[in-house]
Amino acid sequence: MSTKKEIGRFGEEIAEDFLKRKKYKILEKNFQNRFGEIDIIAKDKNQLVFVEVKLKTNPYFGLPEEEFNFYKKKKLKKTIKSYLMEKKIKDENWRVDLIAIEFKKNIKPVIRHYQAVEI
């Protein structure tokens, strides 16, 4: 894994497997529109969940959670609103989850799942 895009996709695969083990149903991955990208869209019981995935391979530059900043949240909010309009979803029963992954070669990834994060 060398490019940022490859590392991001690897993190999304880890997150997807993690969510499936927690009985989430994966609906879409890497939804993109002019506002941005939603890493994973899933269902948790009857609630629609937009999942942001952050992976860090180097612990010296902060935690993955720190990458989910004001700018990213603002962009994600616009992308979600656009997605809901595009899919004609009027139900307000949705939330945003953050999956933060610390990955070091030859060591099991550390995964932290934050449910219903504020955006």
C-alpha atoms as a PDB file:
ATOM      1  CA  MET A   1       0.000   0.000   0.000  1.00  0.00           C
ATOM      2  CA  SER A   2       1.541   3.195  -1.046  1.00  0.00           C
ATOM      3  CA  THR A   3      -0.958   5.771  -2.239  1.00  0.00           C
ATOM      4  CA  LYS A   4      -3.327   7.664  -0.003  1.00  0.00           C
ATOM      5  CA  LYS A   5      -6.255   6.299  -2.026  1.00  0.00           C
ATOM      6  CA  GLU A   6      -5.099   2.677  -1.533  1.00  0.00           C
ATOM      7  CA  ILE A   7      -4.677   3.239   2.195  1.00  0.00           C
ATOM      8  CA  GLY A   8      -8.146   4.798   2.355  1.00  0.00           C
ATOM      9  CA  ARG A   9      -9.739   1.843   0.548  1.00  0.00           C
ATOM     10  CA  PHE A  10      -7.931  -0.558   2.872  1.00  0.00           C
ATOM     11  CA  GLY A  11      -9.370   1.291   5.876  1.00  0.00           C
ATOM     12  CA  GLU A  12     -12.844   1.140   4.358  1.00  0.00           C
ATOM     13  CA  GLU A  13     -12.517  -2.640   3.901  1.00  0.00           C
ATOM     14  CA  ILE A  14     -11.558  -3.023   7.572  1.00  0.00           C
ATOM     15  CA  ALA A  15     -14.506  -0.798   8.573  1.00  0.00           C
ATOM     16  CA  GLU A  16     -16.936  -2.720   6.361  1.00  0.00           C
ATOM     17  CA  ASP A  17     -15.911  -6.060   7.882  1.00  0.00           C
ATOM     18  CA  PHE A  18     -16.213  -4.538  11.366  1.00  0.00           C
ATOM     19  CA  LEU A  19     -19.729  -3.223  10.647  1.00  0.00           C
ATOM     20  CA  LYS A  20     -20.862  -6.529   9.154  1.00  0.00           C
ATOM     21  CA  ARG A  21     -19.747  -8.312  12.329  1.00  0.00           C
ATOM     22  CA  LYS A  22     -21.946  -5.836  14.251  1.00  0.00           C
ATOM     23  CA  LYS A  23     -24.893  -6.826  12.003  1.00  0.00           C
ATOM     24  CA  TYR A  24     -24.999  -3.614   9.956  1.00  0.00           C
ATOM     25  CA  LYS A  25     -26.308  -4.039   6.412  1.00  0.00           C
ATOM     26  CA  ILE A  26     -24.023  -2.315   3.900  1.00  0.00           C
ATOM     27  CA  LEU A  27     -26.097  -0.429   1.308  1.00  0.00           C
ATOM     28  CA  GLU A  28     -23.460   1.559  -0.600  1.00  0.00           C
ATOM     29  CA  LYS A  29     -19.755   2.300  -0.540  1.00  0.00           C
ATOM     30  CA  ASN A  30     -17.941   5.349  -1.823  1.00  0.00           C
ATOM     31  CA  PHE A  31     -21.007   7.347  -2.793  1.00  0.00           C
ATOM     32  CA  GLN A  32     -19.785  10.466  -4.590  1.00  0.00           C
ATOM     33  CA  ASN A  33     -21.417  13.619  -5.837  1.00  0.00           C
ATOM     34  CA  ARG A  34     -20.289  17.191  -6.460  1.00  0.00           C
ATOM     35  CA  PHE A  35     -20.177  17.920  -2.724  1.00  0.00           C
ATOM     36  CA  GLY A  36     -17.957  15.053  -1.638  1.00  0.00           C
ATOM     37  CA  GLU A  37     -17.891  11.375  -0.743  1.00  0.00           C
ATOM     38  CA  ILE A  38     -19.598   9.172   1.809  1.00  0.00           C
ATOM     39  CA  ASP A  39     -17.366   6.210   2.658  1.00  0.00           C
ATOM     40  CA  ILE A  40     -20.072   3.744   3.705  1.00  0.00           C
ATOM     41  CA  ILE A  41     -23.858   3.942   3.833  1.00  0.00           C
ATOM     42  CA  ALA A  42     -25.416   1.239   5.975  1.00  0.00           C
ATOM     43  CA  LYS A  43     -28.475   0.245   7.963  1.00  0.00           C
ATOM     44  CA  ASP A  44     -28.312  -0.434  11.689  1.00  0.00           C
ATOM     45  CA  LYS A  45     -31.625  -2.050  12.523  1.00  0.00           C
ATOM     46  CA  ASN A  46     -34.039   0.503  11.014  1.00  0.00           C
ATOM     47  CA  GLN A  47     -31.706   3.508  11.042  1.00  0.00           C
ATOM     48  CA  LEU A  48     -29.748   4.802   8.053  1.00  0.00           C
ATOM     49  CA  VAL A  49     -26.085   5.308   8.975  1.00  0.00           C
ATOM     50  CA  PHE A  50     -23.525   7.391   7.091  1.00  0.00           C
ATOM     51  CA  VAL A  51     -20.075   6.148   8.066  1.00  0.00           C
ATOM     52  CA  GLU A  52     -16.897   8.199   7.840  1.00  0.00           C
ATOM     53  CA  VAL A  53     -13.724   6.117   7.983  1.00  0.00           C
ATOM     54  CA  LYS A  54     -10.364   7.522   9.084  1.00  0.00           C
ATOM     55  CA  LEU A  55      -7.225   5.385   9.061  1.00  0.00           C
ATOM     56  CA  LYS A  56      -3.767   6.335  10.308  1.00  0.00           C
ATOM     57  CA  THR A  57      -0.634   4.313   9.715  1.00  0.00           C
ATOM     58  CA  ASN A  58       1.714   6.648  11.556  1.00  0.00           C
ATOM     59  CA  PRO A  59       0.995   7.401  15.236  1.00  0.00           C
ATOM     60  CA  TYR A  60       3.385  10.366  15.288  1.00  0.00           C
ATOM     61  CA  PHE A  61       0.956  12.625  13.450  1.00  0.00           C
ATOM     62  CA  GLY A  62      -2.068  12.357  15.734  1.00  0.00           C
ATOM     63  CA  LEU A  63      -5.092  10.133  16.009  1.00  0.00           C
ATOM     64  CA  PRO A  64      -7.362   9.287  13.080  1.00  0.00           C
ATOM     65  CA  GLU A  65     -10.265  10.977  14.879  1.00  0.00           C
ATOM     66  CA  GLU A  66      -8.441  14.297  14.598  1.00  0.00           C
ATOM     67  CA  GLU A  67      -8.786  14.125  10.808  1.00  0.00           C
ATOM     68  CA  PHE A  68     -12.573  14.419  11.183  1.00  0.00           C
ATOM     69  CA  ASN A  69     -12.381  18.178  11.498  1.00  0.00           C
ATOM     70  CA  PHE A  70     -14.771  21.105  10.984  1.00  0.00           C
ATOM     71  CA  TYR A  71     -14.095  21.280   7.242  1.00  0.00           C
ATOM     72  CA  LYS A  72     -14.680  17.538   6.721  1.00  0.00           C
ATOM     73  CA  LYS A  73     -17.880  17.619   8.801  1.00  0.00           C
ATOM     74  CA  LYS A  74     -19.250  20.574   6.837  1.00  0.00           C
ATOM     75  CA  LYS A  75     -18.497  18.868   3.525  1.00  0.00           C
ATOM     76  CA  LEU A  76     -20.005  15.580   4.727  1.00  0.00           C
ATOM     77  CA  LYS A  77     -23.187  17.326   5.874  1.00  0.00           C
ATOM     78  CA  LYS A  78     -23.701  18.804   2.393  1.00  0.00           C
ATOM     79  CA  THR A  79     -23.026  15.434   0.785  1.00  0.00           C
ATOM     80  CA  ILE A  80     -25.532  13.686   3.069  1.00  0.00           C
ATOM     81  CA  LYS A  81     -28.239  16.296   2.439  1.00  0.00           C
ATOM     82  CA  SER A  82     -27.692  15.924  -1.291  1.00  0.00           C
ATOM     83  CA  TYR A  83     -27.815  12.114  -1.013  1.00  0.00           C
ATOM     84  CA  LEU A  84     -31.110  12.248   0.902  1.00  0.00           C
ATOM     85  CA  MET A  85     -32.639  14.558  -1.708  1.00  0.00           C
ATOM     86  CA  GLU A  86     -31.318  12.494  -4.631  1.00  0.00           C
ATOM     87  CA  LYS A  87     -32.705   9.266  -3.158  1.00  0.00           C
ATOM     88  CA  LYS A  88     -35.934  11.019  -2.101  1.00  0.00           C
ATOM     89  CA  ILE A  89     -35.464   9.986   1.530  1.00  0.00           C
ATOM     90  CA  LYS A  90     -37.631  12.158   3.763  1.00  0.00           C
ATOM     91  CA  ASP A  91     -37.221  10.143   6.932  1.00  0.00           C
ATOM     92  CA  GLU A  92     -35.116  11.906   9.538  1.00  0.00           C
ATOM     93  CA  ASN A  93     -34.048   8.605  11.086  1.00  0.00           C
ATOM     94  CA  TRP A  94     -30.360   8.735  10.206  1.00  0.00           C
ATOM     95  CA  ARG A  95     -27.058   9.335  11.935  1.00  0.00           C
ATOM     96  CA  VAL A  96     -23.339   9.678  11.270  1.00  0.00           C
ATOM     97  CA  ASP A  97     -20.824   7.218  12.698  1.00  0.00           C
ATOM     98  CA  LEU A  98     -17.059   7.588  12.706  1.00  0.00           C
ATOM     99  CA  ILE A  99     -14.740   4.611  12.516  1.00  0.00           C
ATOM    100  CA  ALA A 100     -11.165   5.462  13.473  1.00  0.00           C
ATOM    101  CA  ILE A 101      -8.499   2.889  12.672  1.00  0.00           C
ATOM    102  CA  GLU A 102      -4.885   2.789  13.767  1.00  0.00           C
ATOM    103  CA  PHE A 103      -2.927   0.386  11.610  1.00  0.00           C
ATOM    104  CA  LYS A 104       0.640  -0.769  12.092  1.00  0.00           C
ATOM    105  CA  LYS A 105       2.219  -3.424   9.914  1.00  0.00           C
ATOM    106  CA  ASN A 106       2.007  -6.949  11.372  1.00  0.00           C
ATOM    107  CA  ILE A 107      -0.209  -5.792  14.259  1.00  0.00           C
ATOM    108  CA  LYS A 108      -3.976  -6.190  14.491  1.00  0.00           C
ATOM    109  CA  PRO A 109      -5.655  -2.832  13.698  1.00  0.00           C
ATOM    110  CA  VAL A 110      -7.088  -0.832  16.585  1.00  0.00           C
ATOM    111  CA  ILE A 111     -10.672   0.150  15.717  1.00  0.00           C
ATOM    112  CA  ARG A 112     -12.732   2.737  17.561  1.00  0.00           C
ATOM    113  CA  HIS A 113     -16.390   3.155  16.600  1.00  0.00           C
ATOM    114  CA  TYR A 114     -18.161   6.386  17.497  1.00  0.00           C
ATOM    115  CA  GLN A 115     -21.907   6.292  16.966  1.00  0.00           C
ATOM    116  CA  ALA A 116     -24.065   9.334  16.284  1.00  0.00           C
ATOM    117  CA  VAL A 117     -21.270  11.874  16.018  1.00  0.00           C
ATOM    118  CA  GLU A 118     -22.262  15.486  15.598  1.00  0.00           C
ATOM    119  CA  ILE A 119     -21.683  17.109  12.246  1.00  0.00           C
END
